[in-house]
Amino acid sequence: MTLDACTDLVRTQDPDRFGAVLVARPQDRPALITLYALNLEIARAPFQSREPMLAEMRLQWWIDRLDEMGTGKPPPLHDVLTPLWEAWGEGAGRIAPLAEARRRDCAREPFTAPEEVVAYVNDTAGRLMGLAAERLGSPAAARTVVADQALGAGLAAWLRALPRLQPLRLGLDQARPEDAVALAGLARDALRRAARSRRLLPRQAAAALYPGPRVPPFLDAVLRGDINCFAQTLEVTPFQRRASLARLALTGRWWR
């Protein structure tokens, strides 16, 4: 087993994170690629069955393998788990809570309030960015900064995905525009807090902290009421995506 399967998965299914990985130091890329590939696998596990119990069984398989890896037991040969073990070793056990947070997806439970979305994003996108940033040398003193950046980027990504989440009963229980505006405001404020404390983070952590292209304009549009997040999103052109990643590569600037 090699990194090829993980690389192909992230390149095709998560192009923004894939582009950011290329900015990382070569020695750090296997850890990021395998982490992001695993994230894609556990994110889609709840959708491999319409029956909640069967979906949770699929998710539990990943949780069990990660827990075993945390005790020092290598996984069975697998396109994602084998390279993950090679890159993370027993540290892979720390990734298990990322999968645990997806149990809610198995049950198809919509959120009833913005606060529930914030908690979910912290447990998923927040935990993912925290693991990646720590692997790239983010110090303990910067955990709050990483958490803010992850919350802002995660909420923006969640709002972008809302037109797809609503029909799956994974969005909000009611399409209240004020809830989307509240979440956009929380995202903008979190990103601004992270930017103000950016000096606490080393330059090599930039690849883990990249929020994706056109995040501030998207949040601004939501806050102005120019976008109905339940049915619309702000499209990102290939040129805009390339320009955003080029800026990250040339300057290391992950903040606005």
Protein backbone atom coordinates (compact mmCIF):
# COMPACT_ATOMS: atom_id res chain seq x y z
CA MET A 1 0.00 0.00 0.00
CA THR A 2 1.23 3.48 -0.85
CA LEU A 3 0.10 7.07 -0.55
CA ASP A 4 -1.26 7.00 -4.09
CA ALA A 5 -4.81 6.03 -3.14
CA CYS A 6 -4.97 8.70 -0.44
CA THR A 7 -3.52 11.32 -2.75
CA ASP A 8 -6.03 10.54 -5.51
CA LEU A 9 -8.92 10.63 -3.04
CA VAL A 10 -8.00 14.02 -1.59
CA ARG A 11 -7.16 15.53 -4.98
CA THR A 12 -10.54 14.61 -6.44
CA GLN A 13 -12.80 15.00 -3.38
CA ASP A 14 -11.16 17.80 -1.39
CA PRO A 15 -9.23 19.97 -3.87
CA ASP A 16 -8.79 22.93 -1.53
CA ARG A 17 -7.08 20.90 1.17
CA PHE A 18 -5.11 19.05 -1.50
CA GLY A 19 -3.80 22.33 -2.84
CA ALA A 20 -2.85 23.43 0.68
CA VAL A 21 -0.98 20.16 1.26
CA LEU A 22 1.32 21.04 -1.63
CA VAL A 23 2.36 24.15 0.29
CA ALA A 24 3.50 22.05 3.27
CA ARG A 25 7.07 20.82 3.67
CA PRO A 26 7.63 17.53 1.80
CA GLN A 27 8.22 15.64 5.05
CA ASP A 28 4.85 16.81 6.40
CA ARG A 29 2.73 15.93 3.38
CA PRO A 30 2.13 12.21 4.08
CA ALA A 31 0.65 13.01 7.49
CA LEU A 32 -1.70 15.61 6.01
CA ILE A 33 -2.72 13.56 2.99
CA THR A 34 -3.55 10.49 5.07
CA LEU A 35 -5.42 12.55 7.66
CA TYR A 36 -7.53 14.27 5.02
CA ALA A 37 -8.19 11.01 3.17
CA LEU A 38 -9.38 9.42 6.41
CA ASN A 39 -11.60 12.44 7.06
CA LEU A 40 -13.27 11.94 3.69
CA GLU A 41 -13.84 8.25 4.40
CA ILE A 42 -15.43 8.77 7.80
CA ALA A 43 -17.48 11.71 6.52
CA ARG A 44 -19.10 9.57 3.86
CA ALA A 45 -19.48 6.43 5.98
CA PRO A 46 -22.87 7.56 7.40
CA PHE A 47 -24.22 7.91 3.87
CA GLN A 48 -23.37 4.41 2.71
CA SER A 49 -26.71 3.16 4.03
CA ARG A 50 -30.12 4.78 4.44
CA GLU A 51 -30.70 2.66 7.53
CA PRO A 52 -29.29 4.55 10.55
CA MET A 53 -28.18 1.37 12.34
CA LEU A 54 -26.30 0.07 9.31
CA ALA A 55 -24.73 3.48 8.72
CA GLU A 56 -23.53 3.58 12.30
CA MET A 57 -22.05 0.10 11.98
CA ARG A 58 -20.01 1.30 9.01
CA LEU A 59 -18.81 4.29 10.99
CA GLN A 60 -18.05 2.10 14.00
CA TRP A 61 -15.70 0.00 11.88
CA TRP A 62 -13.49 3.06 11.36
CA ILE A 63 -13.66 3.98 15.03
CA ASP A 64 -12.61 0.47 16.05
CA ARG A 65 -9.65 0.44 13.69
CA LEU A 66 -8.45 3.84 14.92
CA ASP A 67 -8.81 2.75 18.54
CA GLU A 68 -6.77 -0.37 17.80
CA MET A 69 -4.08 1.69 16.12
CA GLY A 70 -3.95 3.85 19.23
CA THR A 71 -2.97 0.77 21.24
CA GLY A 72 -0.17 -0.05 18.83
CA LYS A 73 -2.00 -2.61 16.71
CA PRO A 74 -1.39 -2.12 12.97
CA PRO A 75 -4.52 -2.03 10.80
CA PRO A 76 -5.36 -4.64 8.17
CA LEU A 77 -4.02 -3.84 4.72
CA HIS A 78 -6.11 -0.95 3.49
CA ASP A 79 -5.72 1.85 0.94
CA VAL A 80 -6.18 4.55 3.60
CA LEU A 81 -5.45 2.95 6.96
CA THR A 82 -2.11 1.44 5.99
CA PRO A 83 -0.56 4.75 4.85
CA LEU A 84 -2.20 6.43 7.85
CA TRP A 85 -0.44 3.98 10.17
CA GLU A 86 2.86 4.62 8.43
CA ALA A 87 2.48 8.38 8.87
CA TRP A 88 0.86 8.55 12.32
CA GLY A 89 1.57 5.27 14.08
CA GLU A 90 -0.10 5.06 17.48
CA GLY A 91 -0.98 8.75 17.12
CA ALA A 92 -3.80 7.64 14.81
CA GLY A 93 -5.76 6.75 17.92
CA ARG A 94 -6.16 10.45 18.63
CA ILE A 95 -8.18 10.76 15.42
CA ALA A 96 -10.99 8.49 16.64
CA PRO A 97 -13.06 11.34 18.17
CA LEU A 98 -13.26 12.86 14.70
CA ALA A 99 -15.21 9.79 13.62
CA GLU A 100 -17.28 9.69 16.81
CA ALA A 101 -18.62 13.17 15.97
CA ARG A 102 -20.18 11.77 12.79
CA ARG A 103 -22.66 9.58 14.65
CA ARG A 104 -25.18 12.40 14.39
CA ASP A 105 -24.99 12.15 10.61
CA CYS A 106 -26.05 8.49 10.79
CA ALA A 107 -29.25 9.47 12.57
CA ARG A 108 -30.09 12.28 10.10
CA GLU A 109 -30.78 14.71 12.92
CA PRO A 110 -31.15 18.34 11.75
CA PHE A 111 -29.87 21.06 14.03
CA THR A 112 -32.40 23.07 15.99
CA ALA A 113 -30.20 26.10 16.81
CA PRO A 114 -26.96 27.76 15.67
CA GLU A 115 -25.27 26.69 18.90
CA GLU A 116 -25.66 23.04 17.90
CA VAL A 117 -24.00 23.73 14.55
CA VAL A 118 -21.08 25.43 16.32
CA ALA A 119 -20.57 22.40 18.57
CA TYR A 120 -20.69 20.04 15.58
CA VAL A 121 -18.22 22.11 13.57
CA ASN A 122 -15.85 22.27 16.52
CA ASP A 123 -15.96 18.48 16.81
CA THR A 124 -15.42 17.87 13.09
CA ALA A 125 -13.67 20.63 11.14
CA GLY A 126 -12.21 22.04 14.34
CA ARG A 127 -10.72 18.77 15.47
CA LEU A 128 -9.39 18.08 11.96
CA MET A 129 -7.60 21.42 11.70
CA GLY A 130 -6.30 21.08 15.25
CA LEU A 131 -4.68 17.73 14.50
CA ALA A 132 -3.18 19.00 11.25
CA ALA A 133 -1.83 22.20 12.78
CA GLU A 134 -0.31 20.38 15.73
CA ARG A 135 1.41 17.98 13.35
CA LEU A 136 2.89 20.97 11.52
CA GLY A 137 4.38 22.43 14.68
CA SER A 138 1.61 24.59 16.11
CA PRO A 139 2.48 25.15 19.79
CA ALA A 140 0.14 24.55 22.70
CA ALA A 141 0.00 28.31 23.28
CA ALA A 142 -1.72 28.72 19.91
CA ARG A 143 -4.52 26.21 20.39
CA THR A 144 -7.12 28.94 20.83
CA VAL A 145 -5.95 30.62 17.63
CA VAL A 146 -6.23 27.36 15.70
CA ALA A 147 -9.65 26.71 17.22
CA ASP A 148 -10.87 30.14 16.08
CA GLN A 149 -9.51 29.65 12.58
CA ALA A 150 -11.08 26.20 12.41
CA LEU A 151 -14.44 27.47 13.61
CA GLY A 152 -14.51 30.28 11.09
CA ALA A 153 -13.42 28.10 8.19
CA GLY A 154 -15.66 25.22 9.28
CA LEU A 155 -18.79 27.33 9.62
CA ALA A 156 -18.15 28.91 6.23
CA ALA A 157 -17.79 25.46 4.65
CA TRP A 158 -20.95 24.26 6.41
CA LEU A 159 -22.94 27.26 5.17
CA ARG A 160 -21.65 26.69 1.63
CA ALA A 161 -22.83 23.09 1.84
CA LEU A 162 -26.23 23.95 3.31
CA PRO A 163 -28.18 23.63 0.01
CA ARG A 164 -27.02 20.00 -0.12
CA LEU A 165 -27.39 19.33 3.61
CA GLN A 166 -31.00 20.49 3.95
CA PRO A 167 -32.55 17.75 1.77
CA LEU A 168 -30.56 15.14 3.74
CA ARG A 169 -31.90 16.41 7.08
CA LEU A 170 -28.39 17.40 8.10
CA GLY A 171 -28.90 21.15 8.01
CA LEU A 172 -31.22 23.21 10.19
CA ASP A 173 -34.67 21.99 11.14
CA GLN A 174 -36.16 25.21 9.79
CA ALA A 175 -34.85 27.47 7.04
CA ARG A 176 -34.52 30.59 9.14
CA PRO A 177 -32.40 33.25 7.41
CA GLU A 178 -31.50 34.78 10.76
CA ASP A 179 -29.79 31.53 11.81
CA ALA A 180 -27.58 31.58 8.72
CA VAL A 181 -26.71 35.22 9.37
CA ALA A 182 -25.86 34.42 12.99
CA LEU A 183 -23.55 31.61 11.94
CA ALA A 184 -21.87 33.79 9.32
CA GLY A 185 -21.28 36.43 11.98
CA LEU A 186 -19.72 33.90 14.33
CA ALA A 187 -17.50 32.65 11.50
CA ARG A 188 -16.34 36.15 10.56
CA ASP A 189 -15.57 37.06 14.18
CA ALA A 190 -13.65 33.82 14.76
CA LEU A 191 -11.52 34.37 11.65
CA ARG A 192 -10.77 37.92 12.74
CA ARG A 193 -9.68 36.77 16.20
CA ALA A 194 -7.37 34.20 14.64
CA ALA A 195 -5.86 36.78 12.31
CA ARG A 196 -5.10 39.11 15.21
CA SER A 197 -3.13 36.36 16.98
CA ARG A 198 -1.45 34.92 13.89
CA ARG A 199 2.08 35.58 15.18
CA LEU A 200 1.68 32.76 17.68
CA LEU A 201 1.84 30.26 14.82
CA PRO A 202 4.90 29.16 12.84
CA ARG A 203 4.94 29.70 9.10
CA GLN A 204 5.01 25.96 8.38
CA ALA A 205 1.54 25.61 9.93
CA ALA A 206 -0.01 27.64 7.11
CA ALA A 207 -0.93 24.55 5.09
CA ALA A 208 -3.14 23.31 7.92
CA LEU A 209 -4.83 26.67 8.54
CA TYR A 210 -5.93 27.50 5.01
CA PRO A 211 -9.70 28.20 5.14
CA GLY A 212 -10.38 27.76 1.44
CA PRO A 213 -10.90 30.32 -1.33
CA ARG A 214 -13.19 33.35 -1.17
CA VAL A 215 -14.31 32.77 2.42
CA PRO A 216 -14.55 36.43 3.57
CA PRO A 217 -16.55 37.54 0.48
CA PHE A 218 -18.92 34.64 0.98
CA LEU A 219 -19.50 35.47 4.65
CA ASP A 220 -19.94 39.16 3.82
CA ALA A 221 -22.57 38.26 1.22
CA VAL A 222 -24.47 36.16 3.75
CA LEU A 223 -24.34 38.95 6.32
CA ARG A 224 -25.66 41.49 3.79
CA GLY A 225 -28.52 39.18 2.87
CA ASP A 226 -27.30 38.81 -0.72
CA ILE A 227 -27.32 35.01 -0.51
CA ASN A 228 -30.00 32.63 0.68
CA CYS A 229 -27.75 29.96 2.20
CA PHE A 230 -30.51 27.37 2.11
CA ALA A 231 -30.63 27.49 -1.68
CA GLN A 232 -27.58 29.41 -2.93
CA THR A 233 -23.85 29.71 -2.50
CA LEU A 234 -21.10 31.93 -3.86
CA GLU A 235 -19.44 30.02 -6.67
CA VAL A 236 -15.65 29.77 -6.77
CA THR A 237 -14.11 29.77 -10.24
CA PRO A 238 -11.03 27.67 -11.05
CA PHE A 239 -9.06 30.90 -11.46
CA GLN A 240 -10.10 32.14 -8.02
CA ARG A 241 -9.15 28.81 -6.46
CA ARG A 242 -5.72 28.82 -8.12
CA ALA A 243 -5.13 32.44 -7.18
CA SER A 244 -6.01 31.79 -3.56
CA LEU A 245 -3.66 28.81 -3.34
CA ALA A 246 -0.90 30.73 -5.12
CA ARG A 247 -1.21 33.48 -2.53
CA LEU A 248 -0.87 30.90 0.23
CA ALA A 249 2.18 29.34 -1.41
CA LEU A 250 3.94 32.65 -2.09
CA THR A 251 3.22 34.45 1.16
CA GLY A 252 2.26 31.78 3.70
CA ARG A 253 -0.66 34.04 4.58
CA TRP A 254 -3.58 31.90 5.74
CA TRP A 255 -5.52 34.81 7.21
CA ARG A 256 -7.41 37.48 5.30
